Amino acid sequence: MAGLKSGGGSEDPPYTGFAPINNAPVDPAPHVYAALDALGIRYERYEHPPVFTAGEAAAHWAPLRATAIKNLFLRNKKGNRHYLVILEVSKAADLRQIVKLVEDDRLSFGSPERLMNELGLTPGSVSPFGLINDDDGSVRVLVDADLRGQERLIFHPNINTASVVISWADLEKFFASRRNRISVVDIA
């Protein structure tokens, strides 16, 4: 683990989006930290090498003693509705079951372009904090009921070189600040 940095009182520059500076994208994490601070959400932040899957992140998350999470960005067949599915990393997401839960047509993973357009994220950095970039609240969120009440949940702060640990109660507080439709569902 590259290091713990406590939350709150960040003096990082304001978030300016993914506009490249010298061909490097702007780090979106300070925007996430500022949003959490503004909501009074307590968090722990950790830095680590880039990871692109929950499996790759597992080595960095193991010492944290928290529930590891995976986040799936999905779209319907027509591509006019998008979903963020949040569940514990060891659970399999049955897309046919999720189709029934949302009462939509066939679902598939959204492309990197759709992910950037809808949540301002790149592959490997998908997290509920991407909802900060969903101004119209159009992405529907499905959270596995097994996460309810967990004391420590691990997410990326919209970049895959860091992780944030927050509680279920604080995740709910974050969701309440968004315009998105949030559903807590049983994902088998």
N, C-alpha and C. Protein backbone atom coordinates (compact mmCIF):
# COMPACT_ATOMS: atom_id res chain seq x y z
N MET A 1 0.86 -1.16 0.00
CA MET A 1 0.00 0.00 0.00
C MET A 1 0.90 1.22 0.00
N ALA A 2 0.71 2.10 -0.93
CA ALA A 2 1.58 3.27 -1.04
C ALA A 2 1.37 4.25 0.10
N GLY A 3 0.20 4.27 0.69
CA GLY A 3 0.06 5.15 1.84
C GLY A 3 -1.35 5.57 2.14
N LEU A 4 -1.59 5.82 3.42
CA LEU A 4 -2.88 6.30 3.90
C LEU A 4 -2.83 7.81 3.97
N LYS A 5 -3.87 8.42 3.51
CA LYS A 5 -4.02 9.86 3.68
C LYS A 5 -5.40 10.07 4.26
N SER A 6 -5.49 10.76 5.35
CA SER A 6 -6.78 10.93 6.01
C SER A 6 -7.66 11.88 5.22
N GLY A 7 -8.97 11.69 5.36
CA GLY A 7 -9.93 12.53 4.67
C GLY A 7 -10.16 13.83 5.39
N GLY A 8 -10.71 14.75 4.68
CA GLY A 8 -11.10 16.03 5.26
C GLY A 8 -10.03 17.09 5.07
N GLY A 9 -10.47 18.29 4.83
CA GLY A 9 -9.59 19.43 4.76
C GLY A 9 -8.59 19.41 3.62
N SER A 10 -8.89 18.74 2.55
CA SER A 10 -7.97 18.65 1.42
C SER A 10 -7.73 20.03 0.84
N GLU A 11 -6.48 20.31 0.49
CA GLU A 11 -6.16 21.57 -0.15
C GLU A 11 -5.78 21.35 -1.59
N ASP A 12 -6.28 20.27 -2.18
CA ASP A 12 -6.01 19.98 -3.58
C ASP A 12 -6.72 21.00 -4.44
N PRO A 13 -6.21 21.25 -5.65
CA PRO A 13 -6.88 22.21 -6.53
C PRO A 13 -8.27 21.71 -6.93
N PRO A 14 -9.17 22.61 -7.29
CA PRO A 14 -10.51 22.19 -7.69
C PRO A 14 -10.47 21.31 -8.92
N TYR A 15 -11.43 20.42 -9.01
CA TYR A 15 -11.55 19.50 -10.13
C TYR A 15 -11.87 20.27 -11.39
N THR A 16 -11.16 19.96 -12.46
CA THR A 16 -11.42 20.65 -13.73
C THR A 16 -11.79 19.69 -14.84
N GLY A 17 -12.10 18.45 -14.52
CA GLY A 17 -12.49 17.48 -15.53
C GLY A 17 -11.32 16.71 -16.08
N PHE A 18 -11.53 16.04 -17.20
CA PHE A 18 -10.50 15.20 -17.79
C PHE A 18 -9.72 15.93 -18.88
N ALA A 19 -9.71 17.27 -18.85
CA ALA A 19 -8.96 18.01 -19.85
C ALA A 19 -7.48 17.68 -19.73
N PRO A 20 -6.84 17.24 -20.79
CA PRO A 20 -5.44 16.84 -20.69
C PRO A 20 -4.51 18.02 -20.48
N ILE A 21 -3.50 17.79 -19.66
CA ILE A 21 -2.40 18.73 -19.47
C ILE A 21 -1.15 17.96 -19.82
N ASN A 22 -0.46 18.38 -20.86
CA ASN A 22 0.71 17.64 -21.34
C ASN A 22 0.35 16.18 -21.62
N ASN A 23 -0.79 15.96 -22.23
CA ASN A 23 -1.29 14.64 -22.61
C ASN A 23 -1.60 13.73 -21.42
N ALA A 24 -1.71 14.27 -20.22
CA ALA A 24 -2.07 13.48 -19.04
C ALA A 24 -3.42 13.97 -18.51
N PRO A 25 -4.34 13.06 -18.21
CA PRO A 25 -5.64 13.49 -17.69
C PRO A 25 -5.49 14.07 -16.28
N VAL A 26 -6.39 14.99 -15.95
CA VAL A 26 -6.42 15.58 -14.62
C VAL A 26 -6.93 14.52 -13.65
N ASP A 27 -6.33 14.44 -12.48
CA ASP A 27 -6.72 13.48 -11.44
C ASP A 27 -8.12 13.84 -10.92
N PRO A 28 -9.11 12.94 -11.07
CA PRO A 28 -10.46 13.25 -10.60
C PRO A 28 -10.64 13.04 -9.10
N ALA A 29 -9.68 12.42 -8.42
CA ALA A 29 -9.85 12.10 -7.00
C ALA A 29 -10.09 13.34 -6.12
N PRO A 30 -9.38 14.46 -6.31
CA PRO A 30 -9.64 15.62 -5.44
C PRO A 30 -11.10 16.08 -5.48
N HIS A 31 -11.74 15.94 -6.63
CA HIS A 31 -13.16 16.30 -6.75
C HIS A 31 -14.01 15.38 -5.88
N VAL A 32 -13.67 14.09 -5.85
CA VAL A 32 -14.39 13.14 -5.01
C VAL A 32 -14.17 13.49 -3.54
N TYR A 33 -12.93 13.72 -3.16
CA TYR A 33 -12.64 14.05 -1.76
C TYR A 33 -13.38 15.32 -1.34
N ALA A 34 -13.43 16.31 -2.21
CA ALA A 34 -14.13 17.56 -1.89
C ALA A 34 -15.62 17.30 -1.70
N ALA A 35 -16.21 16.44 -2.55
CA ALA A 35 -17.64 16.12 -2.41
C ALA A 35 -17.90 15.39 -1.09
N LEU A 36 -17.04 14.45 -0.74
CA LEU A 36 -17.20 13.72 0.52
C LEU A 36 -17.03 14.67 1.71
N ASP A 37 -16.03 15.54 1.64
CA ASP A 37 -15.82 16.52 2.71
C ASP A 37 -17.04 17.42 2.88
N ALA A 38 -17.60 17.89 1.76
CA ALA A 38 -18.76 18.78 1.80
C ALA A 38 -19.97 18.12 2.45
N LEU A 39 -20.06 16.80 2.32
CA LEU A 39 -21.18 16.06 2.92
C LEU A 39 -20.88 15.60 4.34
N GLY A 40 -19.68 15.89 4.83
CA GLY A 40 -19.30 15.45 6.17
C GLY A 40 -19.07 13.95 6.25
N ILE A 41 -18.69 13.35 5.14
CA ILE A 41 -18.46 11.91 5.10
C ILE A 41 -17.02 11.61 5.49
N ARG A 42 -16.89 10.73 6.47
CA ARG A 42 -15.57 10.29 6.91
C ARG A 42 -15.07 9.20 5.96
N TYR A 43 -13.80 9.28 5.61
CA TYR A 43 -13.21 8.30 4.70
C TYR A 43 -11.73 8.16 4.97
N GLU A 44 -11.22 7.03 4.54
CA GLU A 44 -9.79 6.79 4.53
C GLU A 44 -9.40 6.66 3.07
N ARG A 45 -8.27 7.23 2.71
CA ARG A 45 -7.84 7.09 1.33
C ARG A 45 -6.45 6.46 1.28
N TYR A 46 -6.27 5.61 0.29
CA TYR A 46 -5.04 4.86 0.10
C TYR A 46 -4.59 5.01 -1.35
N GLU A 47 -3.31 5.12 -1.56
CA GLU A 47 -2.76 5.17 -2.91
C GLU A 47 -2.06 3.85 -3.20
N HIS A 48 -2.09 3.45 -4.46
CA HIS A 48 -1.47 2.19 -4.89
C HIS A 48 -1.20 2.26 -6.38
N PRO A 49 -0.46 1.29 -6.93
CA PRO A 49 -0.24 1.27 -8.38
C PRO A 49 -1.56 1.11 -9.12
N PRO A 50 -1.61 1.47 -10.40
CA PRO A 50 -2.85 1.33 -11.17
C PRO A 50 -3.34 -0.12 -11.19
N VAL A 51 -4.66 -0.27 -11.03
CA VAL A 51 -5.31 -1.58 -11.13
C VAL A 51 -6.51 -1.43 -12.06
N PHE A 52 -6.81 -2.49 -12.79
CA PHE A 52 -7.89 -2.41 -13.78
C PHE A 52 -9.05 -3.35 -13.49
N THR A 53 -8.86 -4.27 -12.54
CA THR A 53 -9.93 -5.18 -12.15
C THR A 53 -9.93 -5.30 -10.63
N ALA A 54 -11.06 -5.76 -10.10
CA ALA A 54 -11.12 -5.99 -8.66
C ALA A 54 -10.11 -7.05 -8.24
N GLY A 55 -9.85 -8.01 -9.14
CA GLY A 55 -8.85 -9.03 -8.85
C GLY A 55 -7.47 -8.44 -8.67
N GLU A 56 -7.10 -7.49 -9.54
CA GLU A 56 -5.81 -6.82 -9.41
C GLU A 56 -5.75 -5.98 -8.14
N ALA A 57 -6.86 -5.39 -7.76
CA ALA A 57 -6.90 -4.54 -6.56
C ALA A 57 -6.83 -5.35 -5.28
N ALA A 58 -7.18 -6.63 -5.34
CA ALA A 58 -7.26 -7.46 -4.13
C ALA A 58 -5.98 -7.43 -3.31
N ALA A 59 -4.83 -7.46 -3.95
CA ALA A 59 -3.57 -7.45 -3.21
C ALA A 59 -3.40 -6.16 -2.41
N HIS A 60 -3.91 -5.06 -2.94
CA HIS A 60 -3.79 -3.78 -2.25
C HIS A 60 -4.88 -3.60 -1.20
N TRP A 61 -6.01 -4.27 -1.41
CA TRP A 61 -7.13 -4.12 -0.50
C TRP A 61 -7.06 -5.08 0.69
N ALA A 62 -6.35 -6.19 0.56
CA ALA A 62 -6.33 -7.21 1.61
C ALA A 62 -5.99 -6.66 3.00
N PRO A 63 -4.98 -5.80 3.14
CA PRO A 63 -4.66 -5.30 4.48
C PRO A 63 -5.69 -4.35 5.07
N LEU A 64 -6.65 -3.89 4.30
CA LEU A 64 -7.58 -2.87 4.76
C LEU A 64 -8.71 -3.41 5.63
N ARG A 65 -8.92 -4.69 5.65
CA ARG A 65 -10.00 -5.31 6.42
C ARG A 65 -11.33 -4.58 6.19
N ALA A 66 -11.73 -4.59 4.95
CA ALA A 66 -12.98 -3.96 4.54
C ALA A 66 -13.59 -4.81 3.41
N THR A 67 -14.84 -4.59 3.13
CA THR A 67 -15.53 -5.33 2.07
C THR A 67 -15.11 -4.79 0.72
N ALA A 68 -14.50 -5.65 -0.08
CA ALA A 68 -14.06 -5.28 -1.42
C ALA A 68 -15.28 -5.27 -2.35
N ILE A 69 -15.35 -4.24 -3.17
CA ILE A 69 -16.51 -4.01 -4.02
C ILE A 69 -16.11 -4.02 -5.48
N LYS A 70 -17.02 -4.53 -6.33
CA LYS A 70 -16.85 -4.34 -7.77
C LYS A 70 -18.06 -3.55 -8.26
N ASN A 71 -17.83 -2.78 -9.29
CA ASN A 71 -18.83 -1.89 -9.86
C ASN A 71 -18.92 -2.16 -11.35
N LEU A 72 -20.11 -2.47 -11.82
CA LEU A 72 -20.31 -2.82 -13.22
C LEU A 72 -21.14 -1.74 -13.90
N PHE A 73 -20.64 -1.24 -15.02
CA PHE A 73 -21.37 -0.25 -15.81
C PHE A 73 -22.03 -0.97 -16.98
N LEU A 74 -23.36 -0.95 -17.00
CA LEU A 74 -24.14 -1.69 -18.00
C LEU A 74 -25.02 -0.75 -18.80
N ARG A 75 -25.44 -1.24 -19.96
CA ARG A 75 -26.38 -0.51 -20.82
C ARG A 75 -27.44 -1.48 -21.30
N ASN A 76 -28.60 -0.95 -21.67
CA ASN A 76 -29.62 -1.81 -22.24
C ASN A 76 -29.36 -2.01 -23.73
N LYS A 77 -30.16 -2.87 -24.34
CA LYS A 77 -29.95 -3.24 -25.75
C LYS A 77 -29.96 -2.02 -26.68
N LYS A 78 -30.89 -1.09 -26.44
CA LYS A 78 -30.99 0.10 -27.30
C LYS A 78 -29.90 1.13 -26.99
N GLY A 79 -29.27 1.00 -25.84
CA GLY A 79 -28.24 1.95 -25.46
C GLY A 79 -28.77 3.27 -24.93
N ASN A 80 -30.06 3.28 -24.57
CA ASN A 80 -30.64 4.54 -24.09
C ASN A 80 -30.83 4.57 -22.56
N ARG A 81 -30.46 3.48 -21.89
CA ARG A 81 -30.51 3.45 -20.42
C ARG A 81 -29.23 2.80 -19.92
N HIS A 82 -28.72 3.35 -18.80
CA HIS A 82 -27.45 2.89 -18.24
C HIS A 82 -27.62 2.57 -16.77
N TYR A 83 -26.84 1.59 -16.31
CA TYR A 83 -26.95 1.10 -14.96
C TYR A 83 -25.57 0.95 -14.33
N LEU A 84 -25.49 1.25 -13.05
CA LEU A 84 -24.29 0.98 -12.26
C LEU A 84 -24.69 -0.05 -11.23
N VAL A 85 -24.07 -1.22 -11.29
CA VAL A 85 -24.37 -2.32 -10.37
C VAL A 85 -23.20 -2.44 -9.39
N ILE A 86 -23.52 -2.40 -8.10
CA ILE A 86 -22.51 -2.40 -7.05
C ILE A 86 -22.71 -3.64 -6.19
N LEU A 87 -21.67 -4.48 -6.10
CA LEU A 87 -21.77 -5.71 -5.32
C LEU A 87 -20.40 -6.13 -4.79
N GLU A 88 -20.44 -7.05 -3.84
CA GLU A 88 -19.21 -7.56 -3.23
C GLU A 88 -18.41 -8.30 -4.29
N VAL A 89 -17.10 -8.16 -4.24
CA VAL A 89 -16.23 -8.63 -5.31
C VAL A 89 -16.34 -10.13 -5.58
N SER A 90 -16.66 -10.93 -4.59
CA SER A 90 -16.72 -12.38 -4.79
C SER A 90 -18.04 -12.84 -5.41
N LYS A 91 -19.02 -11.96 -5.51
CA LYS A 91 -20.32 -12.34 -6.08
C LYS A 91 -20.31 -12.23 -7.60
N ALA A 92 -21.00 -13.15 -8.22
CA ALA A 92 -21.18 -13.09 -9.67
C ALA A 92 -22.45 -12.30 -9.96
N ALA A 93 -22.40 -11.51 -10.99
CA ALA A 93 -23.58 -10.74 -11.41
C ALA A 93 -24.22 -11.45 -12.59
N ASP A 94 -25.39 -12.00 -12.38
CA ASP A 94 -26.13 -12.66 -13.44
C ASP A 94 -26.92 -11.59 -14.19
N LEU A 95 -26.48 -11.25 -15.39
CA LEU A 95 -27.13 -10.17 -16.13
C LEU A 95 -28.59 -10.48 -16.44
N ARG A 96 -28.92 -11.76 -16.60
CA ARG A 96 -30.34 -12.11 -16.85
C ARG A 96 -31.19 -11.78 -15.63
N GLN A 97 -30.66 -12.01 -14.43
CA GLN A 97 -31.39 -11.66 -13.22
C GLN A 97 -31.53 -10.14 -13.11
N ILE A 98 -30.47 -9.42 -13.43
CA ILE A 98 -30.51 -7.96 -13.34
C ILE A 98 -31.52 -7.40 -14.34
N VAL A 99 -31.61 -7.99 -15.53
CA VAL A 99 -32.62 -7.58 -16.51
C VAL A 99 -34.01 -7.67 -15.89
N LYS A 100 -34.27 -8.75 -15.17
CA LYS A 100 -35.59 -8.91 -14.53
C LYS A 100 -35.80 -7.87 -13.44
N LEU A 101 -34.74 -7.56 -12.68
CA LEU A 101 -34.86 -6.57 -11.60
C LEU A 101 -35.19 -5.19 -12.14
N VAL A 102 -34.59 -4.82 -13.27
CA VAL A 102 -34.81 -3.47 -13.82
C VAL A 102 -35.93 -3.43 -14.85
N GLU A 103 -36.44 -4.59 -15.21
CA GLU A 103 -37.51 -4.70 -16.20
C GLU A 103 -37.15 -3.98 -17.49
N ASP A 104 -35.97 -4.34 -17.99
CA ASP A 104 -35.47 -3.75 -19.22
C ASP A 104 -35.18 -4.89 -20.19
N ASP A 105 -34.73 -4.52 -21.40
CA ASP A 105 -34.34 -5.54 -22.35
C ASP A 105 -32.91 -5.98 -22.05
N ARG A 106 -32.34 -6.76 -22.90
CA ARG A 106 -31.01 -7.34 -22.69
C ARG A 106 -29.99 -6.29 -22.23
N LEU A 107 -29.13 -6.67 -21.28
CA LEU A 107 -28.08 -5.78 -20.79
C LEU A 107 -26.72 -6.29 -21.22
N SER A 108 -25.81 -5.35 -21.43
CA SER A 108 -24.42 -5.70 -21.73
C SER A 108 -23.54 -4.62 -21.10
N PHE A 109 -22.25 -4.88 -21.08
CA PHE A 109 -21.33 -3.90 -20.51
C PHE A 109 -21.24 -2.69 -21.43
N GLY A 110 -21.19 -1.51 -20.83
CA GLY A 110 -21.05 -0.28 -21.59
C GLY A 110 -19.63 -0.13 -22.08
N SER A 111 -19.48 0.48 -23.23
CA SER A 111 -18.15 0.71 -23.82
C SER A 111 -17.39 1.77 -23.02
N PRO A 112 -16.07 1.83 -23.19
CA PRO A 112 -15.31 2.90 -22.53
C PRO A 112 -15.82 4.30 -22.91
N GLU A 113 -16.27 4.48 -24.14
CA GLU A 113 -16.79 5.78 -24.57
C GLU A 113 -18.09 6.12 -23.83
N ARG A 114 -18.98 5.15 -23.68
CA ARG A 114 -20.22 5.37 -22.93
C ARG A 114 -19.92 5.67 -21.46
N LEU A 115 -18.98 4.92 -20.91
CA LEU A 115 -18.60 5.11 -19.51
C LEU A 115 -18.10 6.54 -19.30
N MET A 116 -17.28 7.02 -20.20
CA MET A 116 -16.77 8.40 -20.10
C MET A 116 -17.91 9.40 -20.28
N ASN A 117 -18.78 9.15 -21.25
CA ASN A 117 -19.88 10.07 -21.53
C ASN A 117 -20.88 10.15 -20.37
N GLU A 118 -21.21 9.02 -19.77
CA GLU A 118 -22.24 8.98 -18.74
C GLU A 118 -21.73 9.31 -17.34
N LEU A 119 -20.53 8.80 -17.00
CA LEU A 119 -20.02 8.95 -15.64
C LEU A 119 -18.66 9.65 -15.55
N GLY A 120 -18.09 10.01 -16.71
CA GLY A 120 -16.80 10.68 -16.69
C GLY A 120 -15.68 9.80 -16.18
N LEU A 121 -15.80 8.50 -16.40
CA LEU A 121 -14.83 7.54 -15.88
C LEU A 121 -14.16 6.75 -16.99
N THR A 122 -13.04 6.17 -16.65
CA THR A 122 -12.33 5.28 -17.56
C THR A 122 -12.40 3.86 -17.01
N PRO A 123 -12.23 2.84 -17.86
CA PRO A 123 -12.24 1.47 -17.36
C PRO A 123 -11.21 1.29 -16.25
N GLY A 124 -11.61 0.54 -15.23
CA GLY A 124 -10.74 0.31 -14.08
C GLY A 124 -10.97 1.29 -12.95
N SER A 125 -11.74 2.34 -13.21
CA SER A 125 -11.98 3.34 -12.16
C SER A 125 -13.46 3.50 -11.84
N VAL A 126 -14.28 2.56 -12.27
CA VAL A 126 -15.73 2.66 -12.07
C VAL A 126 -16.04 2.60 -10.57
N SER A 127 -16.86 3.55 -10.13
CA SER A 127 -17.26 3.60 -8.73
C SER A 127 -18.54 4.42 -8.61
N PRO A 128 -19.21 4.33 -7.46
CA PRO A 128 -20.41 5.16 -7.29
C PRO A 128 -20.09 6.65 -7.31
N PHE A 129 -18.82 7.01 -7.06
CA PHE A 129 -18.46 8.42 -7.06
C PHE A 129 -18.50 9.03 -8.46
N GLY A 130 -18.58 8.19 -9.48
CA GLY A 130 -18.79 8.67 -10.84
C GLY A 130 -20.12 9.39 -10.99
N LEU A 131 -21.06 9.14 -10.07
CA LEU A 131 -22.35 9.82 -10.13
C LEU A 131 -22.20 11.33 -9.99
N ILE A 132 -21.07 11.78 -9.44
CA ILE A 132 -20.79 13.21 -9.36
C ILE A 132 -20.84 13.83 -10.75
N ASN A 133 -20.46 13.06 -11.76
CA ASN A 133 -20.41 13.55 -13.14
C ASN A 133 -21.70 13.33 -13.91
N ASP A 134 -22.68 12.69 -13.29
CA ASP A 134 -23.96 12.40 -13.94
C ASP A 134 -24.97 13.49 -13.56
N ASP A 135 -24.82 14.65 -14.19
CA ASP A 135 -25.61 15.82 -13.80
C ASP A 135 -27.12 15.62 -13.90
N ASP A 136 -27.57 14.85 -14.88
CA ASP A 136 -29.01 14.68 -15.03
C ASP A 136 -29.54 13.47 -14.26
N GLY A 137 -28.67 12.74 -13.58
CA GLY A 137 -29.11 11.61 -12.77
C GLY A 137 -29.69 10.47 -13.58
N SER A 138 -29.26 10.31 -14.82
CA SER A 138 -29.86 9.31 -15.70
C SER A 138 -29.37 7.88 -15.46
N VAL A 139 -28.20 7.71 -14.85
CA VAL A 139 -27.70 6.36 -14.60
C VAL A 139 -28.41 5.80 -13.37
N ARG A 140 -29.04 4.66 -13.55
CA ARG A 140 -29.75 4.01 -12.44
C ARG A 140 -28.76 3.13 -11.68
N VAL A 141 -28.84 3.15 -10.35
CA VAL A 141 -27.90 2.42 -9.51
C VAL A 141 -28.60 1.26 -8.81
N LEU A 142 -27.98 0.08 -8.91
CA LEU A 142 -28.45 -1.10 -8.20
C LEU A 142 -27.36 -1.52 -7.23
N VAL A 143 -27.69 -1.56 -5.94
CA VAL A 143 -26.74 -1.93 -4.90
C VAL A 143 -27.20 -3.25 -4.30
N ASP A 144 -26.28 -4.20 -4.22
CA ASP A 144 -26.62 -5.50 -3.64
C ASP A 144 -26.97 -5.33 -2.16
N ALA A 145 -28.08 -5.92 -1.76
CA ALA A 145 -28.56 -5.81 -0.38
C ALA A 145 -27.57 -6.36 0.64
N ASP A 146 -26.70 -7.27 0.23
CA ASP A 146 -25.72 -7.83 1.16
C ASP A 146 -24.73 -6.78 1.67
N LEU A 147 -24.64 -5.64 0.99
CA LEU A 147 -23.72 -4.59 1.42
C LEU A 147 -24.32 -3.71 2.52
N ARG A 148 -25.64 -3.80 2.68
CA ARG A 148 -26.34 -2.97 3.65
C ARG A 148 -25.74 -3.18 5.05
N GLY A 149 -25.42 -2.10 5.71
CA GLY A 149 -24.93 -2.16 7.08
C GLY A 149 -23.44 -2.44 7.23
N GLN A 150 -22.72 -2.66 6.13
CA GLN A 150 -21.28 -2.94 6.23
C GLN A 150 -20.57 -1.71 6.81
N GLU A 151 -19.64 -1.97 7.70
CA GLU A 151 -18.92 -0.87 8.35
C GLU A 151 -17.85 -0.27 7.46
N ARG A 152 -17.26 -1.09 6.57
CA ARG A 152 -16.16 -0.59 5.74
C ARG A 152 -16.29 -1.15 4.33
N LEU A 153 -16.46 -0.25 3.36
CA LEU A 153 -16.58 -0.60 1.95
C LEU A 153 -15.45 0.09 1.19
N ILE A 154 -14.86 -0.61 0.21
CA ILE A 154 -13.74 -0.04 -0.55
C ILE A 154 -14.19 0.31 -1.97
N PHE A 155 -13.89 1.53 -2.38
CA PHE A 155 -14.18 2.00 -3.74
C PHE A 155 -12.97 2.78 -4.27
N HIS A 156 -12.91 2.95 -5.58
CA HIS A 156 -11.94 3.87 -6.17
C HIS A 156 -12.55 5.28 -6.15
N PRO A 157 -11.74 6.31 -5.96
CA PRO A 157 -12.24 7.69 -6.04
C PRO A 157 -12.18 8.21 -7.48
N ASN A 158 -12.77 7.44 -8.40
CA ASN A 158 -12.85 7.77 -9.82
C ASN A 158 -11.49 7.70 -10.53
N ILE A 159 -10.54 7.04 -9.90
CA ILE A 159 -9.23 6.81 -10.52
C ILE A 159 -8.71 5.49 -9.95
N ASN A 160 -7.98 4.73 -10.79
CA ASN A 160 -7.58 3.39 -10.36
C ASN A 160 -6.22 3.33 -9.67
N THR A 161 -5.71 4.48 -9.22
CA THR A 161 -4.45 4.51 -8.48
C THR A 161 -4.67 4.85 -7.01
N ALA A 162 -5.92 4.78 -6.58
CA ALA A 162 -6.25 5.07 -5.19
C ALA A 162 -7.52 4.30 -4.82
N SER A 163 -7.72 4.15 -3.53
CA SER A 163 -8.94 3.53 -3.01
C SER A 163 -9.41 4.33 -1.80
N VAL A 164 -10.72 4.31 -1.59
CA VAL A 164 -11.36 5.02 -0.49
C VAL A 164 -12.18 4.01 0.30
N VAL A 165 -12.10 4.08 1.62
CA VAL A 165 -12.91 3.24 2.49
C VAL A 165 -13.93 4.13 3.19
N ILE A 166 -15.22 3.77 3.05
CA ILE A 166 -16.29 4.49 3.74
C ILE A 166 -17.27 3.47 4.30
N SER A 167 -18.16 3.92 5.16
CA SER A 167 -19.18 3.04 5.73
C SER A 167 -20.42 2.99 4.85
N TRP A 168 -21.27 1.99 5.08
CA TRP A 168 -22.55 1.90 4.39
C TRP A 168 -23.37 3.17 4.65
N ALA A 169 -23.40 3.61 5.91
CA ALA A 169 -24.19 4.79 6.26
C ALA A 169 -23.72 6.01 5.46
N ASP A 170 -22.40 6.14 5.30
CA ASP A 170 -21.89 7.28 4.54
C ASP A 170 -22.12 7.10 3.03
N LEU A 171 -22.12 5.86 2.55
CA LEU A 171 -22.47 5.64 1.14
C LEU A 171 -23.92 6.07 0.91
N GLU A 172 -24.81 5.74 1.84
CA GLU A 172 -26.20 6.18 1.73
C GLU A 172 -26.30 7.71 1.73
N LYS A 173 -25.50 8.36 2.55
CA LYS A 173 -25.50 9.83 2.59
C LYS A 173 -25.05 10.38 1.23
N PHE A 174 -24.01 9.77 0.65
CA PHE A 174 -23.56 10.20 -0.67
C PHE A 174 -24.68 10.01 -1.70
N PHE A 175 -25.32 8.82 -1.70
CA PHE A 175 -26.41 8.57 -2.65
C PHE A 175 -27.53 9.60 -2.49
N ALA A 176 -27.85 9.97 -1.25
CA ALA A 176 -28.94 10.93 -1.00
C ALA A 176 -28.62 12.29 -1.62
N SER A 177 -27.35 12.58 -1.85
CA SER A 177 -26.97 13.87 -2.44
C SER A 177 -27.06 13.87 -3.96
N ARG A 178 -27.33 12.74 -4.56
CA ARG A 178 -27.36 12.60 -6.01
C ARG A 178 -28.80 12.57 -6.51
N ARG A 179 -28.99 12.80 -7.79
CA ARG A 179 -30.31 12.79 -8.41
C ARG A 179 -30.68 11.41 -8.96
N ASN A 180 -29.77 10.47 -8.90
CA ASN A 180 -29.96 9.15 -9.51
C ASN A 180 -30.98 8.32 -8.73
N ARG A 181 -31.61 7.39 -9.45
CA ARG A 181 -32.50 6.42 -8.82
C ARG A 181 -31.62 5.31 -8.25
N ILE A 182 -31.69 5.11 -6.95
CA ILE A 182 -30.89 4.12 -6.24
C ILE A 182 -31.82 3.03 -5.75
N SER A 183 -31.50 1.76 -6.07
CA SER A 183 -32.29 0.62 -5.59
C SER A 183 -31.37 -0.35 -4.90
N VAL A 184 -31.77 -0.76 -3.69
CA VAL A 184 -31.05 -1.82 -2.99
C VAL A 184 -31.81 -3.10 -3.30
N VAL A 185 -31.13 -4.06 -3.93
CA VAL A 185 -31.78 -5.27 -4.45
C VAL A 185 -30.99 -6.51 -4.04
N ASP A 186 -31.66 -7.65 -4.10
CA ASP A 186 -30.99 -8.92 -3.85
C ASP A 186 -30.39 -9.42 -5.16
N ILE A 187 -29.06 -9.44 -5.21
CA ILE A 187 -28.37 -9.97 -6.38
C ILE A 187 -27.83 -11.34 -5.99
N ALA A 188 -28.40 -12.36 -6.61
CA ALA A 188 -28.04 -13.75 -6.24
C ALA A 188 -26.69 -14.13 -6.80
